[in-house]
Amino acid sequence: MSERLIYLPLGGAGEIGMNAYVYGYGRPGRERLIVVDLGVTFGDMDTAPGIDLIMADVGWLEANRDRIEAIFITHGHEDHVGALGLLWGRIQKPVHCRRFTGALARLKLEEAGQPVDQLHIHAPRPEVVTAGPFQVQFVPVSHSIPESSALIIDTPAGRIVHTGDFKLDGTPVVGEAFDPILWHEIAGEGNGVKALACDSTNIFVPHPGRSEAILANPLLDFVTSQKQMVVATTFASNIARLKTLAEAGTASGRKICLLGRAMRRMVTVGIETGILTSFPATVSPEDASELPRDKVMLIVTGSQGERRAASAQLSRGRYLGIQLREGDSFLFSSRTIPGNERGVIRIQNQLSEMGVDLFDADDGVYHVSGHANRPDIEAVHELLKPQMVIPMHGEHMHLREHVKLAQARGIPAAIATNGTMLDLTGDAPRIVDQIDTGRVYLDGTRLIGAMDGVVRDRIRMALNGHAMVSIIIDEDDSPLPDAWVELSGLPETGRTGVPLARNIESELAAFLERADDRTVMDDDRLEEGIRRITRQVSMEEIGKKPEVTVVISRLAAE
């Protein structure tokens, strides 16, 4: 059986975030593999209450660990590197990335207690990293975080270009500009580009993308025109935006204060790695709280409505000695990621109640995207002239539209959502397998599987409440007639006006009195009957069937 070239997304295909991709070359089922990115997405109270982070289930990678050559990280955003420390112990392969990304990756590994000796830092093209049958180069691209890279993956079956996240920006303020001449060279080498795995996030945006550099004057005008304290929030990883905001504040005669651990970390890493060479001086929150309000600009975390970030803390009142007042200005210099709207709107309303004036990025004056828009994606198709296109990094509608775009240009393309394995060996991508994929949750400090039932039970309790029922079986194996019921998340009384717990206890007492010996001696049968009656009474009284926990205590004869 001849060798084949495969592509397998485990996360990030059919969704935004949680990126994890696999490429393989070799005989079917025995391919040597590389992993590209290990990212996270964030839980929400509707679908994952209490969950901190969500990442791809790497069970398939664990089962095939002996076939994996290496892990490559394209850039330092959380949805590409955030799971590295949490999942590395299950893969335990060398990690390759560039300098700035490597500084963030090292922090991820250290925080998770993983060794850092397998982390390898590389210069961009023309340096080549050999990993089994793969020859990999990091190619600089512009994005909303420094040192983002596309990957050139050369294999015996042809060249793959994996774009990662990118935009066409010749003046990105911080980081490297997109270089079309370099990409012409890449397209013209050897037999050209066999497959282009391409960012699809902004496929529906019809106008060309804009440069980060165009924001300098509008942001300066904005900050200068404000009469009191100015607060701005954006993604902490968007160092170029942080720099532009800070320079606008300094130029308008204000002191800059950074609020939020992630933001301070990004600036520190940027300075330590030489990415940031002229970031304005900052002051502490203590010093900022003592300055006149028209002499302060806060740059804060929490642009996506995160509950514990600085934006949310400020919207709830005093934070680190700083309190917003009527007439202050708050700028959201970022787009809201779909799914985060509720949290952002909550913060905005709380700020509005304080009398704070709100400004956002909806009119495009104070924000530009870090992803390529439709004309830019078309330009990359034209630059690289790939034999086939594999859309990635997008929800299903984005992937489908990208396939249509490629096919309209005569380029074979296919939708591959998480778990769909494509064979790229021939003239067009071909689906050859479907891998069971899922999600892993970080719940506090523990990783749990999506099918473990923890989140499911949490959602059920949130929707229907909880009843704890305790009964005692005496030394003669006879149930005491009194059952104890404790309710959580349920109304105290039902439609009859009787306390719900007392009503349930009364029905359970009747059940225990008539229960036969077979039922009393069998914990499973007894628990099933108690649970059924508790839910039945609750349904009749309040229209809810709560989750029920039954505690059976059996007294031992002396």
Protein backbone atom coordinates (compact mmCIF):
# COMPACT_ATOMS: atom_id res chain seq x y z
CA MET A 1 0.00 0.00 0.00
CA SER A 2 1.50 3.37 -1.01
CA GLU A 3 2.09 6.36 1.24
CA ARG A 4 -0.47 9.12 1.64
CA LEU A 5 -0.57 12.69 2.94
CA ILE A 6 -3.36 13.39 5.44
CA TYR A 7 -4.91 16.37 7.20
CA LEU A 8 -6.94 15.97 10.40
CA PRO A 9 -8.40 18.83 12.44
CA LEU A 10 -9.13 18.03 16.09
CA GLY A 11 -10.25 21.56 16.98
CA GLY A 12 -10.76 24.88 15.23
CA ALA A 13 -12.58 23.53 12.17
CA GLY A 14 -16.28 24.24 12.42
CA GLU A 15 -15.75 26.60 15.37
CA ILE A 16 -13.75 29.67 16.36
CA GLY A 17 -11.04 28.76 18.87
CA MET A 18 -9.54 25.58 20.33
CA ASN A 19 -7.25 25.10 17.32
CA ALA A 20 -5.49 21.75 16.96
CA TYR A 21 -4.51 20.25 13.60
CA VAL A 22 -2.64 17.12 12.55
CA TYR A 23 -0.71 16.36 9.36
CA GLY A 24 0.56 12.92 8.51
CA TYR A 25 2.60 11.15 5.84
CA GLY A 26 3.19 7.45 5.33
CA ARG A 27 1.32 4.20 4.85
CA PRO A 28 -2.36 4.38 5.88
CA GLY A 29 -2.70 3.92 9.62
CA ARG A 30 1.06 4.16 10.08
CA GLU A 31 1.68 7.76 9.02
CA ARG A 32 4.26 9.84 10.86
CA LEU A 33 2.46 12.82 12.38
CA ILE A 34 3.00 16.43 13.37
CA VAL A 35 0.62 18.53 15.47
CA VAL A 36 0.00 22.20 14.69
CA ASP A 37 -1.24 24.29 17.65
CA LEU A 38 -2.90 23.29 20.90
CA GLY A 39 -5.39 26.01 21.80
CA VAL A 40 -8.32 26.67 24.08
CA THR A 41 -11.69 28.31 23.99
CA PHE A 42 -13.60 29.66 26.97
CA GLY A 43 -16.63 28.25 28.75
CA ASP A 44 -19.91 30.09 29.13
CA MET A 45 -22.67 29.78 31.68
CA ASP A 46 -25.18 28.47 29.15
CA THR A 47 -23.28 25.44 27.84
CA ALA A 48 -20.39 24.95 30.28
CA PRO A 49 -21.22 26.53 33.66
CA GLY A 50 -18.23 26.91 35.93
CA ILE A 51 -15.77 25.73 33.28
CA ASP A 52 -12.62 27.84 32.89
CA LEU A 53 -11.19 26.51 29.62
CA ILE A 54 -12.20 24.09 26.88
CA MET A 55 -9.75 22.28 24.62
CA ALA A 56 -9.69 19.50 22.05
CA ASP A 57 -9.76 15.92 23.27
CA VAL A 58 -6.34 14.51 22.33
CA GLY A 59 -7.29 10.90 22.98
CA TRP A 60 -6.52 9.99 19.34
CA LEU A 61 -3.10 11.60 19.66
CA GLU A 62 -2.43 9.72 22.90
CA ALA A 63 -3.33 6.45 21.22
CA ASN A 64 -0.92 7.28 18.38
CA ARG A 65 1.76 9.02 20.42
CA ASP A 66 4.54 6.78 19.11
CA ARG A 67 3.81 8.10 15.59
CA ILE A 68 4.03 11.82 16.52
CA GLU A 69 7.24 13.62 15.57
CA ALA A 70 6.68 17.11 17.00
CA ILE A 71 4.32 19.95 17.92
CA PHE A 72 4.47 23.29 16.06
CA ILE A 73 2.89 26.49 17.44
CA THR A 74 2.04 29.21 14.90
CA HIS A 75 1.55 32.11 17.34
CA GLY A 76 0.84 33.10 20.91
CA HIS A 77 -2.92 33.58 21.03
CA GLU A 78 -4.75 31.50 23.64
CA ASP A 79 -6.78 29.68 20.99
CA HIS A 80 -3.50 28.36 19.53
CA VAL A 81 -1.15 27.90 22.51
CA GLY A 82 -3.41 28.01 25.57
CA ALA A 83 -3.71 24.22 25.99
CA LEU A 84 -0.02 23.44 25.52
CA GLY A 85 0.83 23.14 29.21
CA LEU A 86 -2.38 21.29 30.04
CA LEU A 87 -2.10 18.71 27.24
CA TRP A 88 1.65 18.35 26.70
CA GLY A 89 1.91 15.56 29.30
CA ARG A 90 -0.41 13.43 27.17
CA ILE A 91 1.70 13.88 24.02
CA GLN A 92 5.24 14.52 25.32
CA LYS A 93 6.84 15.53 22.04
CA PRO A 94 9.23 18.38 21.14
CA VAL A 95 7.59 21.81 20.74
CA HIS A 96 8.80 24.17 18.00
CA CYS A 97 7.97 27.87 17.71
CA ARG A 98 9.47 31.33 17.31
CA ARG A 99 10.94 33.52 20.05
CA PHE A 100 7.97 35.59 21.25
CA THR A 101 5.58 32.63 21.00
CA GLY A 102 8.17 30.54 22.81
CA ALA A 103 8.25 32.94 25.75
CA LEU A 104 4.49 32.53 26.15
CA ALA A 105 4.69 28.77 25.59
CA ARG A 106 7.34 28.49 28.30
CA LEU A 107 5.01 30.22 30.76
CA LYS A 108 2.22 27.78 29.86
CA LEU A 109 4.47 24.78 30.45
CA GLU A 110 5.87 26.15 33.71
CA GLU A 111 2.42 27.00 35.08
CA ALA A 112 1.30 23.43 34.40
CA GLY A 113 4.42 21.96 36.00
CA GLN A 114 5.71 20.54 32.71
CA PRO A 115 9.39 20.47 31.68
CA VAL A 116 10.60 23.17 29.30
CA ASP A 117 13.61 21.33 27.90
CA GLN A 118 11.54 20.12 24.95
CA LEU A 119 10.72 23.69 23.86
CA HIS A 120 12.79 24.73 20.83
CA ILE A 121 13.00 28.29 19.45
CA HIS A 122 13.57 28.88 15.74
CA ALA A 123 14.29 31.73 13.39
CA PRO A 124 11.90 32.32 10.48
CA ARG A 125 12.43 31.05 6.94
CA PRO A 126 14.91 30.00 5.59
CA GLU A 127 15.60 27.99 8.78
CA VAL A 128 14.17 24.48 8.36
CA VAL A 129 12.98 22.17 11.13
CA THR A 130 13.12 18.48 10.27
CA ALA A 131 10.48 16.29 11.90
CA GLY A 132 10.39 12.81 10.38
CA PRO A 133 9.29 13.12 6.75
CA PHE A 134 8.37 16.79 7.24
CA GLN A 135 10.52 19.85 6.53
CA VAL A 136 8.92 22.83 8.26
CA GLN A 137 9.61 26.56 7.95
CA PHE A 138 8.10 29.44 9.93
CA VAL A 139 7.01 32.22 7.55
CA PRO A 140 6.25 35.65 9.10
CA VAL A 141 2.68 36.91 8.65
CA SER A 142 0.95 39.95 10.08
CA HIS A 143 -1.74 39.35 12.69
CA SER A 144 -2.90 40.93 15.96
CA ILE A 145 -0.02 39.44 17.96
CA PRO A 146 3.70 39.67 17.16
CA GLU A 147 5.70 36.97 15.37
CA SER A 148 2.69 35.14 13.99
CA SER A 149 3.75 32.57 11.44
CA ALA A 150 2.39 30.52 8.63
CA LEU A 151 4.00 27.12 8.22
CA ILE A 152 5.53 25.73 5.05
CA ILE A 153 5.30 21.97 5.45
CA ASP A 154 7.28 20.15 2.78
CA THR A 155 6.56 16.43 2.41
CA PRO A 156 7.44 13.73 -0.11
CA ALA A 157 3.90 14.21 -1.50
CA GLY A 158 4.18 17.97 -1.94
CA ARG A 159 4.17 21.32 -0.15
CA ILE A 160 1.47 22.38 2.31
CA VAL A 161 1.05 26.00 3.38
CA HIS A 162 -0.74 26.30 6.72
CA THR A 163 -1.54 30.00 7.09
CA GLY A 164 -2.39 30.09 10.78
CA ASP A 165 -4.17 33.36 11.59
CA PHE A 166 -3.12 36.17 9.26
CA LYS A 167 -3.98 39.42 7.55
CA LEU A 168 -2.41 41.42 4.72
CA ASP A 169 -0.87 44.34 6.62
CA GLY A 170 2.17 46.19 5.34
CA THR A 171 2.36 48.48 8.40
CA PRO A 172 1.39 46.43 11.48
CA VAL A 173 2.98 48.86 14.04
CA VAL A 174 4.47 45.96 16.02
CA GLY A 175 5.66 42.75 14.41
CA GLU A 176 6.38 41.81 10.82
CA ALA A 177 4.61 43.04 7.71
CA PHE A 178 3.06 40.70 5.17
CA ASP A 179 5.61 40.33 2.34
CA PRO A 180 4.00 39.44 -1.03
CA ILE A 181 7.40 39.01 -2.69
CA LEU A 182 8.29 36.32 -0.16
CA TRP A 183 5.02 34.53 -0.88
CA HIS A 184 5.67 34.67 -4.64
CA GLU A 185 8.95 32.88 -3.92
CA ILE A 186 7.20 30.25 -1.83
CA ALA A 187 4.67 29.62 -4.58
CA GLY A 188 7.37 29.32 -7.24
CA GLU A 189 9.65 26.83 -5.51
CA GLY A 190 9.70 23.18 -6.59
CA ASN A 191 6.33 21.98 -7.79
CA GLY A 192 4.47 24.85 -6.16
CA VAL A 193 1.90 24.59 -3.38
CA LYS A 194 -0.05 21.36 -3.28
CA ALA A 195 -2.45 22.32 -0.47
CA LEU A 196 -3.34 25.61 1.20
CA ALA A 197 -4.91 25.26 4.67
CA CYS A 198 -6.28 28.74 5.12
CA ASP A 199 -7.83 31.00 7.79
CA SER A 200 -11.55 31.48 7.03
CA THR A 201 -12.64 33.78 9.88
CA ASN A 202 -13.51 36.87 7.80
CA ILE A 203 -14.61 35.16 4.59
CA PHE A 204 -17.93 37.07 4.70
CA VAL A 205 -16.33 40.54 5.04
CA PRO A 206 -16.45 41.98 1.49
CA HIS A 207 -13.99 44.89 1.72
CA PRO A 208 -10.18 44.61 1.94
CA GLY A 209 -8.63 44.55 5.40
CA ARG A 210 -7.15 47.70 6.91
CA SER A 211 -3.75 48.28 8.48
CA GLU A 212 -3.20 48.62 12.21
CA ALA A 213 -1.27 51.84 11.51
CA ILE A 214 -4.40 53.76 10.46
CA LEU A 215 -5.70 53.77 14.05
CA ALA A 216 -3.02 56.10 15.44
CA ASN A 217 -4.66 59.41 14.54
CA PRO A 218 -8.27 58.47 15.39
CA LEU A 219 -7.19 57.12 18.78
CA LEU A 220 -5.12 60.22 19.50
CA ASP A 221 -8.06 62.46 18.56
CA PHE A 222 -10.36 60.41 20.77
CA VAL A 223 -8.16 60.50 23.87
CA THR A 224 -7.35 64.20 23.47
CA SER A 225 -11.03 65.15 23.26
CA GLN A 226 -12.04 63.44 26.53
CA LYS A 227 -12.40 65.65 29.59
CA GLN A 228 -11.99 63.15 32.42
CA MET A 229 -10.48 59.71 32.95
CA VAL A 230 -10.13 57.55 29.83
CA VAL A 231 -10.31 53.76 29.95
CA ALA A 232 -9.63 51.56 26.92
CA THR A 233 -9.90 47.80 26.63
CA THR A 234 -8.67 45.48 23.90
CA PHE A 235 -7.15 42.02 23.63
CA ALA A 236 -4.10 41.83 25.89
CA SER A 237 -2.20 39.99 23.16
CA ASN A 238 -2.67 42.82 20.65
CA ILE A 239 0.58 44.50 21.58
CA ALA A 240 0.43 46.85 18.59
CA ARG A 241 -2.92 48.19 19.81
CA LEU A 242 -1.61 48.52 23.37
CA LYS A 243 1.30 50.54 22.06
CA THR A 244 -0.93 52.77 19.90
CA LEU A 245 -3.32 53.38 22.81
CA ALA A 246 -0.49 54.11 25.24
CA GLU A 247 1.18 56.51 22.80
CA ALA A 248 -2.14 58.31 22.28
CA GLY A 249 -2.54 58.70 26.03
CA THR A 250 1.00 59.95 26.53
CA ALA A 251 0.72 62.41 23.64
CA SER A 252 -2.43 63.86 25.22
CA GLY A 253 -0.62 64.49 28.51
CA ARG A 254 -1.88 61.47 30.45
CA LYS A 255 -0.11 58.87 32.56
CA ILE A 256 -0.67 55.27 31.45
CA CYS A 257 -1.76 52.54 33.86
CA LEU A 258 -2.10 48.91 32.78
CA LEU A 259 -4.74 46.89 34.66
CA GLY A 260 -4.93 43.13 34.29
CA ARG A 261 -2.39 40.36 34.72
CA ALA A 262 -2.53 39.22 31.10
CA MET A 263 -1.90 42.73 29.80
CA ARG A 264 1.09 43.34 32.04
CA ARG A 265 2.47 39.92 31.10
CA MET A 266 2.20 40.59 27.37
CA VAL A 267 3.98 43.93 27.63
CA THR A 268 6.70 42.38 29.79
CA VAL A 269 7.24 39.51 27.36
CA GLY A 270 7.26 41.96 24.45
CA ILE A 271 9.99 44.03 26.09
CA GLU A 272 12.03 41.00 27.18
CA THR A 273 12.00 39.50 23.67
CA GLY A 274 12.78 42.80 21.97
CA ILE A 275 9.42 43.02 20.20
CA LEU A 276 8.55 46.20 22.11
CA THR A 277 11.37 48.73 22.05
CA SER A 278 9.61 51.99 22.90
CA PHE A 279 6.53 51.34 25.02
CA PRO A 280 5.54 54.45 27.02
CA ALA A 281 6.26 54.53 30.75
CA THR A 282 3.46 53.31 33.00
CA VAL A 283 2.36 54.08 36.56
CA SER A 284 0.96 51.82 39.26
CA PRO A 285 -2.76 51.72 40.13
CA GLU A 286 -1.90 53.39 43.45
CA ASP A 287 -0.24 56.30 41.68
CA ALA A 288 -3.02 56.50 39.07
CA SER A 289 -5.66 56.83 41.79
CA GLU A 290 -3.89 59.91 43.17
CA LEU A 291 -3.62 61.77 39.84
CA PRO A 292 -6.19 64.25 38.45
CA ARG A 293 -8.77 62.39 36.39
CA ASP A 294 -7.89 64.21 33.18
CA LYS A 295 -4.27 63.10 33.55
CA VAL A 296 -4.90 59.35 33.61
CA MET A 297 -5.53 56.70 30.95
CA LEU A 298 -6.23 53.12 31.97
CA ILE A 299 -5.63 50.29 29.49
CA VAL A 300 -7.44 47.24 30.86
CA THR A 301 -8.23 43.60 30.20
CA GLY A 302 -11.72 42.22 29.69
CA SER A 303 -12.76 43.31 26.19
CA GLN A 304 -14.79 40.10 25.82
CA GLY A 305 -16.77 40.48 29.04
CA GLU A 306 -14.66 38.12 31.17
CA ARG A 307 -16.11 38.15 34.68
CA ARG A 308 -12.79 38.39 36.55
CA ALA A 309 -10.98 40.77 34.20
CA ALA A 310 -10.31 44.44 34.98
CA SER A 311 -13.20 45.79 32.85
CA ALA A 312 -15.74 43.74 34.77
CA GLN A 313 -14.15 44.68 38.11
CA LEU A 314 -14.34 48.38 37.28
CA SER A 315 -17.96 48.03 36.16
CA ARG A 316 -18.85 46.59 39.58
CA GLY A 317 -17.22 49.40 41.59
CA ARG A 318 -13.78 50.15 42.98
CA TYR A 319 -10.83 48.12 41.68
CA LEU A 320 -7.29 48.48 43.06
CA GLY A 321 -8.25 51.84 44.49
CA ILE A 322 -9.66 53.18 41.21
CA GLN A 323 -13.34 54.01 40.75
CA LEU A 324 -15.01 55.29 37.58
CA ARG A 325 -17.31 58.29 37.79
CA GLU A 326 -19.89 60.12 35.75
CA GLY A 327 -18.29 61.74 32.71
CA ASP A 328 -15.40 59.26 32.40
CA SER A 329 -14.95 57.60 29.00
CA PHE A 330 -14.65 53.87 28.27
CA LEU A 331 -13.51 52.65 24.81
CA PHE A 332 -13.92 49.08 23.56
CA SER A 333 -11.12 48.93 20.95
CA SER A 334 -11.99 45.40 19.81
CA ARG A 335 -14.71 43.37 18.19
CA THR A 336 -16.87 41.15 20.36
CA ILE A 337 -16.32 37.49 19.54
CA PRO A 338 -19.64 35.75 18.75
CA GLY A 339 -20.93 34.18 21.95
CA ASN A 340 -19.45 36.87 24.22
CA GLU A 341 -22.09 39.51 23.54
CA ARG A 342 -24.02 38.98 26.75
CA GLY A 343 -21.01 39.50 29.01
CA VAL A 344 -19.90 42.61 27.13
CA ILE A 345 -23.38 44.15 27.18
CA ARG A 346 -23.67 43.47 30.91
CA ILE A 347 -20.44 45.41 31.57
CA GLN A 348 -21.51 48.23 29.27
CA ASN A 349 -24.84 48.60 31.06
CA GLN A 350 -23.17 48.63 34.46
CA LEU A 351 -20.78 51.33 33.26
CA SER A 352 -23.67 53.30 31.80
CA GLU A 353 -25.45 53.20 35.16
CA MET A 354 -22.37 54.90 36.64
CA GLY A 355 -22.68 57.69 34.08
CA VAL A 356 -19.62 56.54 32.10
CA ASP A 357 -19.66 57.43 28.39
CA LEU A 358 -19.23 54.36 26.16
CA PHE A 359 -17.47 54.11 22.80
CA ASP A 360 -17.08 50.92 20.76
CA ALA A 361 -15.54 49.57 17.56
CA ASP A 362 -18.76 49.10 15.61
CA ASP A 363 -18.06 51.98 13.22
CA GLY A 364 -14.54 50.69 12.50
CA VAL A 365 -12.84 53.91 13.62
CA TYR A 366 -11.11 52.45 16.67
CA HIS A 367 -10.44 48.84 15.63
CA VAL A 368 -9.15 46.78 12.71
CA SER A 369 -9.39 43.01 12.43
CA GLY A 370 -6.42 40.70 12.70
CA HIS A 371 -7.84 38.32 10.11
CA ALA A 372 -7.85 38.43 6.31
CA ASN A 373 -11.11 39.55 4.71
CA ARG A 374 -12.56 37.96 1.57
CA PRO A 375 -10.53 40.04 -0.96
CA ASP A 376 -7.38 39.28 1.03
CA ILE A 377 -8.10 35.55 1.01
CA GLU A 378 -8.64 35.76 -2.74
CA ALA A 379 -5.29 37.55 -3.06
CA VAL A 380 -3.55 34.72 -1.20
CA HIS A 381 -5.20 32.18 -3.49
CA GLU A 382 -3.83 34.16 -6.42
CA LEU A 383 -0.37 34.53 -4.85
CA LEU A 384 0.10 30.86 -4.01
CA LYS A 385 -1.94 29.21 -6.76
CA PRO A 386 -2.48 26.05 -4.68
CA GLN A 387 -3.61 22.80 -6.25
CA MET A 388 -6.27 22.51 -3.52
CA VAL A 389 -7.68 24.55 -0.62
CA ILE A 390 -8.59 23.32 2.86
CA PRO A 391 -10.56 25.97 4.81
CA MET A 392 -9.86 26.05 8.55
CA HIS A 393 -10.29 28.37 11.53
CA GLY A 394 -13.97 29.12 11.18
CA GLU A 395 -17.48 27.93 11.90
CA HIS A 396 -19.16 25.64 9.39
CA MET A 397 -20.69 28.51 7.44
CA HIS A 398 -17.23 30.09 7.07
CA LEU A 399 -15.68 26.83 5.88
CA ARG A 400 -18.50 26.25 3.40
CA GLU A 401 -18.25 29.77 1.97
CA HIS A 402 -14.48 29.40 1.62
CA VAL A 403 -14.96 26.16 -0.31
CA LYS A 404 -17.37 27.95 -2.65
CA LEU A 405 -14.84 30.75 -3.16
CA ALA A 406 -12.06 28.31 -4.06
CA GLN A 407 -14.22 26.21 -6.35
CA ALA A 408 -15.43 29.32 -8.18
CA ARG A 409 -11.78 29.90 -9.06
CA GLY A 410 -11.42 26.31 -10.25
CA ILE A 411 -9.51 25.13 -7.18
CA PRO A 412 -10.61 21.80 -5.62
CA ALA A 413 -11.61 22.25 -1.96
CA ALA A 414 -13.36 20.33 0.81
CA ILE A 415 -15.00 21.00 4.16
CA ALA A 416 -13.23 19.15 6.96
CA THR A 417 -14.73 19.77 10.39
CA ASN A 418 -13.21 18.40 13.57
CA GLY A 419 -12.50 14.69 13.23
CA THR A 420 -12.70 14.58 9.43
CA MET A 421 -9.55 13.09 7.93
CA LEU A 422 -8.66 14.19 4.40
CA ASP A 423 -6.31 12.46 2.00
CA LEU A 424 -4.38 15.19 0.16
CA THR A 425 -2.29 12.87 -1.98
CA GLY A 426 -4.29 13.10 -5.20
CA ASP A 427 -5.51 16.01 -7.28
CA ALA A 428 -8.34 16.88 -4.89
CA PRO A 429 -8.92 16.43 -1.15
CA ARG A 430 -10.79 13.23 -0.32
CA ILE A 431 -12.49 12.24 2.95
CA VAL A 432 -11.05 8.89 4.09
CA ASP A 433 -11.93 8.59 7.77
CA GLN A 434 -13.88 10.10 10.64
CA ILE A 435 -12.18 10.23 14.04
CA ASP A 436 -14.16 10.46 17.27
CA THR A 437 -13.37 13.90 18.66
CA GLY A 438 -14.60 15.68 21.72
CA ARG A 439 -13.68 18.26 24.28
CA VAL A 440 -11.76 18.37 27.52
CA TYR A 441 -12.71 20.88 30.21
CA LEU A 442 -10.53 22.60 32.77
CA ASP A 443 -12.78 22.66 35.83
CA GLY A 444 -10.88 24.54 38.51
CA THR A 445 -7.57 22.69 38.57
CA ARG A 446 -8.77 19.39 37.07
CA LEU A 447 -9.19 18.23 33.49
CA ILE A 448 -12.47 16.42 32.90
CA GLY A 449 -13.97 14.85 29.81
CA ALA A 450 -17.05 16.25 28.14
CA MET A 451 -18.74 12.86 28.63
CA ASP A 452 -17.81 12.49 32.31
CA GLY A 453 -21.18 13.91 33.34
CA VAL A 454 -19.89 16.74 35.52
CA VAL A 455 -21.04 19.56 33.26
CA ARG A 456 -24.22 17.71 32.32
CA ASP A 457 -25.19 17.34 35.98
CA ARG A 458 -24.30 20.97 36.65
CA ILE A 459 -26.58 22.12 33.84
CA ARG A 460 -29.39 19.87 35.03
CA MET A 461 -29.14 21.27 38.55
CA ALA A 462 -29.09 24.81 37.19
CA LEU A 463 -32.22 24.16 35.15
CA ASN A 464 -34.21 22.03 37.59
CA GLY A 465 -32.79 22.49 41.09
CA HIS A 466 -31.68 19.77 43.49
CA ALA A 467 -33.27 17.68 46.23
CA MET A 468 -31.30 15.77 48.87
CA VAL A 469 -33.31 12.93 50.46
CA SER A 470 -32.04 11.06 53.52
CA ILE A 471 -33.67 7.96 55.03
CA ILE A 472 -32.68 5.53 57.79
CA ILE A 473 -33.15 1.74 57.86
CA ASP A 474 -33.06 0.44 61.43
CA GLU A 475 -31.39 -2.65 62.88
CA ASP A 476 -34.43 -4.76 61.99
CA ASP A 477 -34.22 -3.67 58.32
CA SER A 478 -37.32 -1.53 58.70
CA PRO A 479 -37.35 2.00 57.29
CA LEU A 480 -38.02 4.76 59.77
CA PRO A 481 -41.13 6.63 58.61
CA ASP A 482 -39.42 10.03 58.61
CA ALA A 483 -37.52 11.07 55.48
CA TRP A 484 -35.48 14.28 55.45
CA VAL A 485 -35.60 16.45 52.34
CA GLU A 486 -33.33 19.43 51.68
CA LEU A 487 -33.97 21.54 48.60
CA SER A 488 -31.61 23.78 46.64
CA GLY A 489 -32.61 26.09 43.82
CA LEU A 490 -36.33 25.34 44.20
CA PRO A 491 -39.30 27.38 45.49
CA GLU A 492 -40.19 26.81 49.15
CA THR A 493 -43.88 26.19 48.44
CA GLY A 494 -45.87 24.69 45.59
CA ARG A 495 -49.32 25.25 44.14
CA THR A 496 -51.06 23.85 47.28
CA GLY A 497 -49.32 26.38 49.51
CA VAL A 498 -47.70 23.62 51.58
CA PRO A 499 -43.89 23.72 51.97
CA LEU A 500 -42.51 21.63 49.14
CA ALA A 501 -40.02 19.74 51.32
CA ARG A 502 -42.79 18.78 53.81
CA ASN A 503 -45.03 17.63 50.95
CA ILE A 504 -42.29 15.40 49.53
CA GLU A 505 -41.50 14.02 53.02
CA SER A 506 -45.17 13.12 53.53
CA GLU A 507 -45.39 11.19 50.26
CA LEU A 508 -42.09 9.44 50.97
CA ALA A 509 -43.32 8.39 54.42
CA ALA A 510 -46.34 6.74 52.79
CA PHE A 511 -44.06 5.01 50.28
CA LEU A 512 -41.75 3.69 53.01
CA GLU A 513 -44.67 2.35 55.05
CA ARG A 514 -45.98 0.26 52.15
CA ALA A 515 -42.60 -0.78 50.73
CA ASP A 516 -42.14 -4.58 50.72
CA ASP A 517 -39.06 -6.35 52.08
CA ARG A 518 -37.61 -6.89 48.61
CA THR A 519 -37.60 -3.15 47.97
CA VAL A 520 -36.28 -2.23 51.44
CA MET A 521 -33.36 -4.67 51.19
CA ASP A 522 -32.32 -3.51 47.72
CA ASP A 523 -30.65 -0.08 47.74
CA ASP A 524 -31.08 0.37 43.99
CA ARG A 525 -34.82 -0.37 44.05
CA LEU A 526 -35.31 1.79 47.13
CA GLU A 527 -33.37 4.69 45.62
CA GLU A 528 -35.31 4.43 42.36
CA GLY A 529 -38.64 4.64 44.18
CA ILE A 530 -37.57 7.58 46.32
CA ARG A 531 -36.24 9.46 43.30
CA ARG A 532 -39.43 8.80 41.30
CA ILE A 533 -41.73 10.05 44.07
CA THR A 534 -39.61 13.13 44.77
CA ARG A 535 -39.63 14.15 41.13
CA GLN A 536 -43.35 13.33 40.74
CA VAL A 537 -44.38 15.49 43.72
CA SER A 538 -42.15 18.33 42.54
CA MET A 539 -43.61 18.19 39.07
CA GLU A 540 -47.15 18.35 40.43
CA GLU A 541 -46.34 21.19 42.83
CA ILE A 542 -43.93 23.43 40.91
CA GLY A 543 -43.68 22.01 37.38
CA LYS A 544 -40.04 20.97 37.81
CA LYS A 545 -38.28 17.61 38.05
CA PRO A 546 -35.19 18.26 40.18
CA GLU A 547 -32.00 16.30 40.29
CA VAL A 548 -32.29 13.98 43.29
CA THR A 549 -29.56 12.63 45.55
CA VAL A 550 -30.64 9.79 47.87
CA VAL A 551 -28.71 8.93 51.05
CA ILE A 552 -29.66 5.57 52.63
CA SER A 553 -28.23 4.94 56.10
CA ARG A 554 -28.51 1.39 57.49
CA LEU A 555 -28.05 0.91 61.22
CA ALA A 556 -26.10 -2.17 62.22
CA ALA A 557 -27.33 -4.42 65.02
CA GLU A 558 -25.04 -4.54 68.07
